[in-house]
C-alpha atoms as a PDB file:
ATOM      1  CA  MET A   1      23.522  -3.441  19.199  1.00  0.00           C
ATOM      2  CA  LYS A   2      26.854  -5.000  16.811  1.00  0.00           C
ATOM      3  CA  PHE A   3      27.445  -4.388  13.217  1.00  0.00           C
ATOM      4  CA  GLY A   4      28.679  -7.349  11.843  1.00  0.00           C
ATOM      5  CA  LYS A   5      30.075  -7.604   7.693  1.00  0.00           C
ATOM      6  CA  ILE A   6      27.812  -7.319   5.004  1.00  0.00           C
ATOM      7  CA  THR A   7      27.508 -11.087   3.249  1.00  0.00           C
ATOM      8  CA  SER A   8      25.766 -11.861   0.432  1.00  0.00           C
ATOM      9  CA  ALA A   9      24.382 -14.618   2.242  1.00  0.00           C
ATOM     10  CA  LYS A  10      22.819 -11.730   5.091  1.00  0.00           C
ATOM     11  CA  VAL A  11      21.581  -9.773   1.725  1.00  0.00           C
ATOM     12  CA  ALA A  12      19.979 -12.805   0.283  1.00  0.00           C
ATOM     13  CA  GLU A  13      18.234 -13.724   3.483  1.00  0.00           C
ATOM     14  CA  ASN A  14      17.022 -10.134   4.232  1.00  0.00           C
ATOM     15  CA  ALA A  15      16.072  -9.976   0.534  1.00  0.00           C
ATOM     16  CA  LEU A  16      13.894 -13.145   0.896  1.00  0.00           C
ATOM     17  CA  VAL A  17      12.225 -11.395   4.243  1.00  0.00           C
ATOM     18  CA  LEU A  18      11.589  -8.337   2.405  1.00  0.00           C
ATOM     19  CA  GLY A  19      10.046 -10.245  -0.768  1.00  0.00           C
ATOM     20  CA  GLY A  20       7.822 -12.025   1.471  1.00  0.00           C
ATOM     21  CA  ALA A  21       6.570  -9.472   3.180  1.00  0.00           C
ATOM     22  CA  VAL A  22       6.084  -7.113   0.553  1.00  0.00           C
ATOM     23  CA  SER A  23       4.380 -10.193  -1.295  1.00  0.00           C
ATOM     24  CA  GLY A  24       2.290 -11.074   2.146  1.00  0.00           C
ATOM     25  CA  GLY A  25       1.175  -7.244   2.195  1.00  0.00           C
ATOM     26  CA  ALA A  26      -0.418  -7.507  -1.530  1.00  0.00           C
ATOM     27  CA  LEU A  27      -1.966 -11.309  -0.381  1.00  0.00           C
ATOM     28  CA  SER A  28      -3.628  -9.710   2.462  1.00  0.00           C
ATOM     29  CA  GLY A  29      -5.010  -6.838   0.234  1.00  0.00           C
ATOM     30  CA  GLY A  30      -6.286  -9.191  -2.272  1.00  0.00           C
ATOM     31  CA  LEU A  31      -8.074 -11.540   0.136  1.00  0.00           C
ATOM     32  CA  LEU A  32      -9.852  -8.396   1.826  1.00  0.00           C
ATOM     33  CA  THR A  33     -11.234  -7.185  -1.817  1.00  0.00           C
ATOM     34  CA  LEU A  34     -13.234 -10.772  -1.381  1.00  0.00           C
ATOM     35  CA  VAL A  35     -14.921  -9.591   2.193  1.00  0.00           C
ATOM     36  CA  PRO A  36     -18.013  -7.542   1.743  1.00  0.00           C
ATOM     37  CA  ALA A  37     -17.551  -3.600   2.989  1.00  0.00           C
ATOM     38  CA  PRO A  38     -19.363  -4.056   6.076  1.00  0.00           C
ATOM     39  CA  GLN A  39     -17.012  -6.665   7.571  1.00  0.00           C
ATOM     40  CA  LYS A  40     -14.101  -5.317   6.261  1.00  0.00           C
ATOM     41  CA  LEU A  41     -13.031  -3.873   9.945  1.00  0.00           C
ATOM     42  CA  TYR A  42     -13.263  -7.251  11.401  1.00  0.00           C
ATOM     43  CA  ALA A  43     -11.686  -9.234   8.533  1.00  0.00           C
ATOM     44  CA  ARG A  44      -8.363  -6.616   8.860  1.00  0.00           C
ATOM     45  CA  GLY A  45      -8.538  -7.637  12.171  1.00  0.00           C
ATOM     46  CA  GLY A  46      -8.915 -11.456  12.094  1.00  0.00           C
ATOM     47  CA  ILE A  47      -5.781 -11.183   9.358  1.00  0.00           C
ATOM     48  CA  VAL A  48      -3.683  -9.559  12.065  1.00  0.00           C
ATOM     49  CA  VAL A  49      -4.394 -11.713  14.591  1.00  0.00           C
ATOM     50  CA  LEU A  50      -4.175 -15.023  12.784  1.00  0.00           C
ATOM     51  CA  SER A  51      -1.267 -14.119  10.426  1.00  0.00           C
ATOM     52  CA  LEU A  52       0.755 -12.611  13.361  1.00  0.00           C
ATOM     53  CA  LEU A  53      -0.093 -15.931  15.524  1.00  0.00           C
ATOM     54  CA  GLY A  54       0.779 -18.283  12.745  1.00  0.00           C
ATOM     55  CA  ALA A  55       4.077 -16.317  11.990  1.00  0.00           C
ATOM     56  CA  SER A  56       4.704 -16.889  15.947  1.00  0.00           C
ATOM     57  CA  ALA A  57       4.162 -20.393  15.854  1.00  0.00           C
ATOM     58  CA  LEU A  58       6.389 -20.910  13.007  1.00  0.00           C
ATOM     59  CA  LYS A  59      10.464 -21.823  13.817  1.00  0.00           C
ATOM     60  CA  PRO A  60      11.793 -21.650  10.051  1.00  0.00           C
ATOM     61  CA  LYS A  61      15.151 -23.822   9.500  1.00  0.00           C
ATOM     62  CA  THR A  62      14.643 -23.433   5.468  1.00  0.00           C
ATOM     63  CA  SER A  63      14.288 -20.564   3.285  1.00  0.00           C
ATOM     64  CA  GLY A  64      10.764 -21.755   2.434  1.00  0.00           C
ATOM     65  CA  GLU A  65       9.787 -21.340   5.905  1.00  0.00           C
ATOM     66  CA  SER A  66      11.431 -18.009   6.335  1.00  0.00           C
ATOM     67  CA  LEU A  67       9.556 -16.949   3.254  1.00  0.00           C
ATOM     68  CA  VAL A  68       6.142 -18.254   4.513  1.00  0.00           C
ATOM     69  CA  GLN A  69       7.026 -16.615   7.838  1.00  0.00           C
ATOM     70  CA  ALA A  70       7.797 -13.383   6.023  1.00  0.00           C
ATOM     71  CA  ILE A  71       4.545 -13.028   4.084  1.00  0.00           C
ATOM     72  CA  ALA A  72       2.613 -13.853   7.279  1.00  0.00           C
ATOM     73  CA  ILE A  73       4.166 -10.928   8.922  1.00  0.00           C
ATOM     74  CA  GLY A  74       3.437  -8.610   5.782  1.00  0.00           C
ATOM     75  CA  MET A  75      -0.110  -9.725   5.813  1.00  0.00           C
ATOM     76  CA  ALA A  76       0.025  -8.499   9.965  1.00  0.00           C
ATOM     77  CA  ILE A  77       1.831  -5.196   9.047  1.00  0.00           C
ATOM     78  CA  ASN A  78      -0.053  -4.090   5.836  1.00  0.00           C
ATOM     79  CA  GLN A  79      -3.640  -5.309   7.932  1.00  0.00           C
ATOM     80  CA  SER A  80      -2.111  -3.228  10.741  1.00  0.00           C
ATOM     81  CA  VAL A  81      -1.608   0.157   8.856  1.00  0.00           C
ATOM     82  CA  GLN A  82      -4.683  -0.269   7.353  1.00  0.00           C
ATOM     83  CA  LEU A  83      -6.540  -1.253  10.399  1.00  0.00           C
ATOM     84  CA  VAL A  84      -5.315   2.002  12.217  1.00  0.00           C
ATOM     85  CA  ARG A  85      -5.716   4.533   8.925  1.00  0.00           C
ATOM     86  CA  ASP A  86      -9.837   3.219   9.200  1.00  0.00           C
ATOM     87  CA  VAL A  87      -9.987   3.818  12.967  1.00  0.00           C
ATOM     88  CA  VAL A  88      -8.885   6.859  12.715  1.00  0.00           C
ATOM     89  CA  LYS A  89      -9.862   8.654   9.719  1.00  0.00           C
ATOM     90  CA  ASP A  90     -12.662  10.307  10.763  1.00  0.00           C
ATOM     91  CA  LYS A  91     -10.593  11.715  13.728  1.00  0.00           C
ATOM     92  CA  ILE A  92      -7.390  13.304  12.062  1.00  0.00           C
ATOM     93  CA  GLN A  93      -8.646  16.039   9.138  1.00  0.00           C
ATOM     94  CA  VAL A  94      -5.620  17.179   7.347  1.00  0.00           C
ATOM     95  CA  THR A  95      -6.044  20.518   5.328  1.00  0.00           C
ATOM     96  CA  ALA A  96      -3.799  22.688   3.444  1.00  0.00           C
ATOM     97  CA  GLU A  97      -3.969  24.881   5.936  1.00  0.00           C
ATOM     98  CA  SER A  98      -3.001  22.257   8.676  1.00  0.00           C
ATOM     99  CA  THR A  99       0.491  22.737  10.761  1.00  0.00           C
ATOM    100  CA  THR A 100       3.515  20.785  10.061  1.00  0.00           C
ATOM    101  CA  SER A 101       3.099  18.440  13.162  1.00  0.00           C
ATOM    102  CA  ASP A 102      -0.900  17.952  12.331  1.00  0.00           C
ATOM    103  CA  LYS A 103       0.493  16.775   8.746  1.00  0.00           C
ATOM    104  CA  PHE A 104       3.245  14.962  10.507  1.00  0.00           C
ATOM    105  CA  ILE A 105       0.438  13.102  12.615  1.00  0.00           C
ATOM    106  CA  ALA A 106      -1.369  12.470  10.231  1.00  0.00           C
ATOM    107  CA  GLY A 107       1.443  11.134   7.711  1.00  0.00           C
ATOM    108  CA  MET A 108       1.813   8.290  10.345  1.00  0.00           C
ATOM    109  CA  ALA A 109      -1.494   7.056   9.855  1.00  0.00           C
ATOM    110  CA  GLY A 110      -1.812   7.286   6.298  1.00  0.00           C
ATOM    111  CA  LEU A 111      -3.766  10.294   6.037  1.00  0.00           C
ATOM    112  CA  ALA A 112      -1.183  12.951   5.380  1.00  0.00           C
ATOM    113  CA  CYS A 113      -2.497  14.090   1.814  1.00  0.00           C
ATOM    114  CA  PRO A 114      -5.256  16.478   1.856  1.00  0.00           C
ATOM    115  CA  CYS A 115      -5.860  15.965  -2.007  1.00  0.00           C
ATOM    116  CA  GLU A 116      -6.348  12.147  -1.036  1.00  0.00           C
ATOM    117  CA  ASP A 117     -10.205  11.880  -2.823  1.00  0.00           C
ATOM    118  CA  GLN A 118      -9.356  14.516  -5.767  1.00  0.00           C
ATOM    119  CA  ASN A 119      -9.000  13.593  -9.131  1.00  0.00           C
ATOM    120  CA  ILE A 120      -5.898  15.501  -9.967  1.00  0.00           C
ATOM    121  CA  PRO A 121      -4.284  14.972 -13.157  1.00  0.00           C
ATOM    122  CA  MET A 122      -0.387  14.030 -12.687  1.00  0.00           C
ATOM    123  CA  LEU A 123       1.952  16.904 -13.759  1.00  0.00           C
ATOM    124  CA  ALA A 124      -1.162  18.655 -15.830  1.00  0.00           C
ATOM    125  CA  SER A 125      -0.211  16.006 -18.134  1.00  0.00           C
ATOM    126  CA  PRO A 126      -2.147  16.240 -21.581  1.00  0.00           C
ATOM    127  CA  VAL A 127      -4.651  13.647 -22.113  1.00  0.00           C
ATOM    128  CA  ILE A 128      -5.139  12.159 -25.721  1.00  0.00           C
ATOM    129  CA  ASN A 129      -8.618  11.477 -27.078  1.00  0.00           C
ATOM    130  CA  PHE A 130      -9.164   7.829 -27.897  1.00  0.00           C
ATOM    131  CA  ALA A 131     -12.226   6.254 -29.610  1.00  0.00           C
ATOM    132  CA  ALA A 132     -11.779   3.776 -26.517  1.00  0.00           C
ATOM    133  CA  LEU A 133     -11.927   6.168 -23.736  1.00  0.00           C
ATOM    134  CA  PRO A 134     -14.646   7.506 -22.037  1.00  0.00           C
ATOM    135  CA  ALA A 135     -15.878  10.841 -22.057  1.00  0.00           C
ATOM    136  CA  ASP A 136     -16.549  11.223 -18.338  1.00  0.00           C
ATOM    137  CA  THR A 137     -12.744  10.743 -16.875  1.00  0.00           C
ATOM    138  CA  GLY A 138     -12.884  13.958 -15.087  1.00  0.00           C
ATOM    139  CA  TYR A 139     -10.039  15.138 -16.783  1.00  0.00           C
ATOM    140  CA  GLN A 140      -9.995  18.550 -18.914  1.00  0.00           C
ATOM    141  CA  GLN A 141      -9.585  16.686 -22.529  1.00  0.00           C
ATOM    142  CA  GLU A 142      -8.353  18.227 -25.769  1.00  0.00           C
ATOM    143  CA  THR A 143      -7.482  16.471 -28.894  1.00  0.00           C
ATOM    144  CA  ILE A 144      -4.306  16.029 -30.295  1.00  0.00           C
ATOM    145  CA  GLU A 145      -3.973  15.947 -34.171  1.00  0.00           C
ATOM    146  CA  VAL A 146      -0.789  13.988 -35.284  1.00  0.00           C
ATOM    147  CA  SER A 147       0.130  14.596 -39.327  1.00  0.00           C
ATOM    148  CA  SER A 148       2.448  12.349 -40.936  1.00  0.00           C
ATOM    149  CA  ASN A 149       4.646  15.203 -42.090  1.00  0.00           C
ATOM    150  CA  MET A 150       5.485  15.647 -38.275  1.00  0.00           C
ATOM    151  CA  PHE A 151       8.439  13.103 -38.921  1.00  0.00           C
END
């Protein structure tokens, strides 16, 4: 492997690929919301195969064609990661007492957080009660009165 000079053209080309891949991942997530839950595993596999075949079939000559190829690759990457997560989530359990190596292996599959499905307020931030907010959000709520004399 050789390293060359970093040029603005190379940076722009790689930024296009990165943007396309991120967009493709987001697009595939959006598409999956349209699929009923029992078929999601098959849909993920289908998206992986079709987007990989589509990206392999393209021979981009323009930046637009490179963008389409990057979108397809991003779709395949995102759904591959989610597919692995879906397949192994029942086999890998991470708890607060898990060893570092267990957490590392689970992290590779996207399952490293033992608090994943818990409702824990970020940084113990206070919640201000607004009339539009539902009362049963799961957070401990406190009312803060704001006086015009404060400022």
